[in-house]
Amino acid sequence: VPSGQLTVADAKVVGITRNKEGYVAIIMGSDKKARFAKPGFKLYDGEVIAIEADRVVFRQDLTEDTLAAPGLKSKEVVKRLHPVQEGT
């Protein structure tokens, strides 16, 4: 994975807010940079497909070495909003 690229595995949902268009997720990667993501937001290996009040649904594109089943090209990954703990 190229440096600075956000992957589905690294993405941590640190906040979810709402504007007139709908929910916006605040996602942090291993680089500790916060990104505002709406459905359609692209990650290195997938994209955000849905945001709800307490969770974000990602589509993770699978590569040959991560295939869960033959012929499966992607999978849904759901990440819930966790309260941010001090010192982490």
N, C-alpha and C. Protein backbone atom coordinates (compact mmCIF):
# COMPACT_ATOMS: atom_id res chain seq x y z
N VAL A 1 0.85 -1.19 0.00
CA VAL A 1 0.00 0.00 0.00
C VAL A 1 0.89 1.24 0.00
N PRO A 2 0.69 2.15 -0.93
CA PRO A 2 1.52 3.36 -0.97
C PRO A 2 1.33 4.20 0.30
N SER A 3 2.37 4.89 0.69
CA SER A 3 2.33 5.73 1.88
C SER A 3 1.24 6.79 1.73
N GLY A 4 0.52 7.03 2.83
CA GLY A 4 -0.52 8.05 2.81
C GLY A 4 -1.85 7.59 2.25
N GLN A 5 -1.90 6.35 1.76
CA GLN A 5 -3.17 5.84 1.23
C GLN A 5 -3.97 5.22 2.37
N LEU A 6 -5.26 5.50 2.37
CA LEU A 6 -6.14 4.99 3.41
C LEU A 6 -6.77 3.68 2.92
N THR A 7 -6.63 2.62 3.72
CA THR A 7 -7.24 1.35 3.37
C THR A 7 -8.47 1.12 4.24
N VAL A 8 -9.33 0.22 3.79
CA VAL A 8 -10.52 -0.11 4.56
C VAL A 8 -10.12 -0.66 5.94
N ALA A 9 -9.08 -1.50 5.97
CA ALA A 9 -8.65 -2.09 7.24
C ALA A 9 -8.16 -1.03 8.23
N ASP A 10 -7.49 0.00 7.72
CA ASP A 10 -6.94 1.06 8.58
C ASP A 10 -7.97 2.10 8.99
N ALA A 11 -9.03 2.22 8.23
CA ALA A 11 -10.01 3.28 8.47
C ALA A 11 -10.69 3.11 9.81
N LYS A 12 -10.67 4.17 10.60
CA LYS A 12 -11.33 4.15 11.91
C LYS A 12 -12.37 5.26 11.89
N VAL A 13 -13.60 4.90 12.21
CA VAL A 13 -14.68 5.89 12.23
C VAL A 13 -14.60 6.62 13.57
N VAL A 14 -14.25 7.91 13.53
CA VAL A 14 -14.11 8.67 14.77
C VAL A 14 -15.27 9.62 15.00
N GLY A 15 -16.10 9.82 13.99
CA GLY A 15 -17.25 10.69 14.17
C GLY A 15 -18.22 10.55 13.01
N ILE A 16 -19.47 10.87 13.28
CA ILE A 16 -20.47 10.91 12.23
C ILE A 16 -21.30 12.16 12.48
N THR A 17 -21.42 12.99 11.46
CA THR A 17 -22.20 14.20 11.58
C THR A 17 -23.25 14.20 10.48
N ARG A 18 -24.15 15.13 10.53
CA ARG A 18 -25.21 15.16 9.54
C ARG A 18 -25.34 16.56 8.98
N ASN A 19 -25.46 16.64 7.67
CA ASN A 19 -25.76 17.93 7.06
C ASN A 19 -27.02 17.77 6.21
N LYS A 20 -27.37 18.78 5.44
CA LYS A 20 -28.65 18.69 4.71
C LYS A 20 -28.64 17.61 3.64
N GLU A 21 -27.47 17.19 3.20
CA GLU A 21 -27.41 16.10 2.20
C GLU A 21 -27.47 14.72 2.83
N GLY A 22 -27.20 14.64 4.13
CA GLY A 22 -27.19 13.33 4.79
C GLY A 22 -26.02 13.21 5.74
N TYR A 23 -25.66 11.98 6.06
CA TYR A 23 -24.58 11.75 7.02
C TYR A 23 -23.21 11.91 6.37
N VAL A 24 -22.28 12.39 7.18
CA VAL A 24 -20.88 12.51 6.78
C VAL A 24 -20.07 11.83 7.88
N ALA A 25 -19.17 10.93 7.47
CA ALA A 25 -18.34 10.23 8.45
C ALA A 25 -16.99 10.92 8.56
N ILE A 26 -16.46 10.94 9.76
CA ILE A 26 -15.10 11.42 9.98
C ILE A 26 -14.25 10.18 10.20
N ILE A 27 -13.35 9.95 9.26
CA ILE A 27 -12.56 8.72 9.24
C ILE A 27 -11.09 9.07 9.42
N MET A 28 -10.44 8.31 10.28
CA MET A 28 -9.01 8.53 10.50
C MET A 28 -8.25 7.28 10.09
N GLY A 29 -7.13 7.47 9.44
CA GLY A 29 -6.27 6.36 9.05
C GLY A 29 -5.10 6.23 10.00
N SER A 30 -4.17 5.36 9.67
CA SER A 30 -3.00 5.16 10.52
C SER A 30 -2.12 6.40 10.55
N ASP A 31 -2.30 7.32 9.58
CA ASP A 31 -1.52 8.56 9.56
C ASP A 31 -2.09 9.63 10.52
N LYS A 32 -3.19 9.29 11.21
CA LYS A 32 -3.83 10.19 12.19
C LYS A 32 -4.42 11.43 11.54
N LYS A 33 -4.66 11.41 10.24
CA LYS A 33 -5.32 12.54 9.57
C LYS A 33 -6.81 12.24 9.48
N ALA A 34 -7.63 13.22 9.85
CA ALA A 34 -9.08 13.05 9.76
C ALA A 34 -9.53 13.42 8.35
N ARG A 35 -10.44 12.61 7.82
CA ARG A 35 -11.00 12.87 6.50
C ARG A 35 -12.52 12.86 6.62
N PHE A 36 -13.15 13.76 5.90
CA PHE A 36 -14.61 13.77 5.87
C PHE A 36 -15.06 12.95 4.68
N ALA A 37 -15.89 11.95 4.94
CA ALA A 37 -16.26 11.01 3.89
C ALA A 37 -17.77 10.94 3.74
N LYS A 38 -18.21 10.98 2.49
CA LYS A 38 -19.61 10.77 2.17
C LYS A 38 -19.70 9.49 1.35
N PRO A 39 -20.89 8.94 1.16
CA PRO A 39 -20.98 7.77 0.28
C PRO A 39 -20.35 8.09 -1.07
N GLY A 40 -19.54 7.14 -1.56
CA GLY A 40 -18.80 7.36 -2.79
C GLY A 40 -17.35 7.76 -2.53
N PHE A 41 -17.01 8.07 -1.27
CA PHE A 41 -15.63 8.41 -0.90
C PHE A 41 -14.73 7.23 -1.19
N LYS A 42 -13.64 7.47 -1.95
CA LYS A 42 -12.76 6.39 -2.37
C LYS A 42 -11.62 6.18 -1.39
N LEU A 43 -11.35 4.93 -1.11
CA LEU A 43 -10.18 4.55 -0.34
C LEU A 43 -9.25 3.78 -1.27
N TYR A 44 -8.07 3.47 -0.79
CA TYR A 44 -7.11 2.76 -1.63
C TYR A 44 -7.68 1.44 -2.16
N ASP A 45 -8.41 0.73 -1.30
CA ASP A 45 -8.90 -0.60 -1.69
C ASP A 45 -10.42 -0.71 -1.59
N GLY A 46 -11.13 0.41 -1.78
CA GLY A 46 -12.59 0.33 -1.72
C GLY A 46 -13.22 1.69 -1.67
N GLU A 47 -14.44 1.73 -1.16
CA GLU A 47 -15.13 3.01 -1.02
C GLU A 47 -16.21 2.92 0.05
N VAL A 48 -16.66 4.10 0.50
CA VAL A 48 -17.77 4.19 1.44
C VAL A 48 -19.05 4.03 0.63
N ILE A 49 -19.90 3.08 1.03
CA ILE A 49 -21.15 2.91 0.28
C ILE A 49 -22.37 3.39 1.05
N ALA A 50 -22.29 3.47 2.38
CA ALA A 50 -23.42 3.97 3.15
C ALA A 50 -22.94 4.47 4.50
N ILE A 51 -23.64 5.49 4.99
CA ILE A 51 -23.35 6.02 6.33
C ILE A 51 -24.68 6.13 7.07
N GLU A 52 -24.71 5.59 8.27
CA GLU A 52 -25.89 5.68 9.12
C GLU A 52 -25.50 6.41 10.40
N ALA A 53 -26.44 6.56 11.31
CA ALA A 53 -26.19 7.36 12.51
C ALA A 53 -25.01 6.84 13.32
N ASP A 54 -24.80 5.53 13.35
CA ASP A 54 -23.76 4.97 14.22
C ASP A 54 -22.81 4.02 13.50
N ARG A 55 -22.85 3.99 12.16
CA ARG A 55 -21.95 3.07 11.47
C ARG A 55 -21.71 3.49 10.04
N VAL A 56 -20.61 3.00 9.50
CA VAL A 56 -20.24 3.26 8.11
C VAL A 56 -20.08 1.92 7.42
N VAL A 57 -20.63 1.81 6.22
CA VAL A 57 -20.51 0.58 5.44
C VAL A 57 -19.53 0.86 4.29
N PHE A 58 -18.49 0.05 4.24
CA PHE A 58 -17.48 0.15 3.19
C PHE A 58 -17.63 -1.01 2.22
N ARG A 59 -17.23 -0.80 0.98
CA ARG A 59 -17.03 -1.91 0.06
C ARG A 59 -15.53 -2.07 -0.06
N GLN A 60 -15.03 -3.25 0.30
CA GLN A 60 -13.59 -3.51 0.21
C GLN A 60 -13.33 -4.38 -1.01
N ASP A 61 -12.49 -3.85 -1.90
CA ASP A 61 -12.11 -4.62 -3.09
C ASP A 61 -11.08 -5.66 -2.67
N LEU A 62 -11.32 -6.90 -3.05
CA LEU A 62 -10.43 -7.98 -2.65
C LEU A 62 -9.41 -8.25 -3.76
N THR A 63 -8.20 -8.50 -3.34
CA THR A 63 -7.15 -8.87 -4.28
C THR A 63 -6.98 -10.38 -4.22
N GLU A 64 -6.22 -10.92 -5.12
CA GLU A 64 -6.04 -12.38 -5.19
C GLU A 64 -5.64 -12.99 -3.85
N ASP A 65 -4.80 -12.28 -3.10
CA ASP A 65 -4.30 -12.87 -1.84
C ASP A 65 -5.28 -12.68 -0.68
N THR A 66 -6.36 -11.94 -0.87
CA THR A 66 -7.32 -11.77 0.23
C THR A 66 -8.70 -12.31 -0.14
N LEU A 67 -8.78 -13.07 -1.20
CA LEU A 67 -10.09 -13.57 -1.61
C LEU A 67 -10.68 -14.49 -0.55
N ALA A 68 -11.90 -14.17 -0.14
CA ALA A 68 -12.58 -14.99 0.86
C ALA A 68 -13.21 -16.22 0.20
N ALA A 69 -13.61 -16.05 -1.04
CA ALA A 69 -14.23 -17.14 -1.79
C ALA A 69 -13.90 -16.94 -3.27
N PRO A 70 -13.76 -18.02 -4.03
CA PRO A 70 -13.43 -17.86 -5.45
C PRO A 70 -14.48 -17.02 -6.16
N GLY A 71 -14.02 -16.07 -6.95
CA GLY A 71 -14.94 -15.25 -7.72
C GLY A 71 -15.49 -14.05 -6.98
N LEU A 72 -15.26 -13.97 -5.68
CA LEU A 72 -15.75 -12.83 -4.90
C LEU A 72 -14.76 -11.68 -5.07
N LYS A 73 -15.24 -10.58 -5.64
CA LYS A 73 -14.34 -9.46 -5.95
C LYS A 73 -14.33 -8.38 -4.87
N SER A 74 -15.39 -8.34 -4.07
CA SER A 74 -15.43 -7.34 -3.01
C SER A 74 -16.32 -7.86 -1.88
N LYS A 75 -16.22 -7.20 -0.74
CA LYS A 75 -17.07 -7.57 0.39
C LYS A 75 -17.47 -6.31 1.13
N GLU A 76 -18.55 -6.40 1.86
CA GLU A 76 -18.97 -5.28 2.69
C GLU A 76 -18.30 -5.37 4.04
N VAL A 77 -17.83 -4.23 4.51
CA VAL A 77 -17.21 -4.15 5.83
C VAL A 77 -17.96 -3.05 6.58
N VAL A 78 -18.50 -3.40 7.75
CA VAL A 78 -19.23 -2.43 8.56
C VAL A 78 -18.36 -2.04 9.74
N LYS A 79 -18.19 -0.73 9.91
CA LYS A 79 -17.43 -0.24 11.06
C LYS A 79 -18.34 0.66 11.87
N ARG A 80 -18.44 0.35 13.15
CA ARG A 80 -19.30 1.14 14.03
C ARG A 80 -18.53 2.33 14.59
N LEU A 81 -19.29 3.34 14.94
CA LEU A 81 -18.70 4.51 15.58
C LEU A 81 -18.35 4.18 17.02
N HIS A 82 -17.08 4.31 17.34
CA HIS A 82 -16.63 4.05 18.72
C HIS A 82 -16.26 5.38 19.36
N PRO A 83 -16.59 5.54 20.62
CA PRO A 83 -16.13 6.77 21.26
C PRO A 83 -14.60 6.79 21.28
N VAL A 84 -14.05 7.94 21.02
CA VAL A 84 -12.59 8.07 21.03
C VAL A 84 -12.13 8.09 22.48
N GLN A 85 -11.16 7.24 22.79
CA GLN A 85 -10.67 7.19 24.16
C GLN A 85 -9.40 8.04 24.26
N GLU A 86 -9.29 8.71 25.36
CA GLU A 86 -8.10 9.56 25.58
C GLU A 86 -6.85 8.69 25.56
N GLY A 87 -5.82 9.20 24.94
CA GLY A 87 -4.53 8.51 24.95
C GLY A 87 -4.38 7.41 23.93
N THR A 88 -5.36 7.25 23.01
CA THR A 88 -5.20 6.21 21.99
C THR A 88 -4.96 6.84 20.64
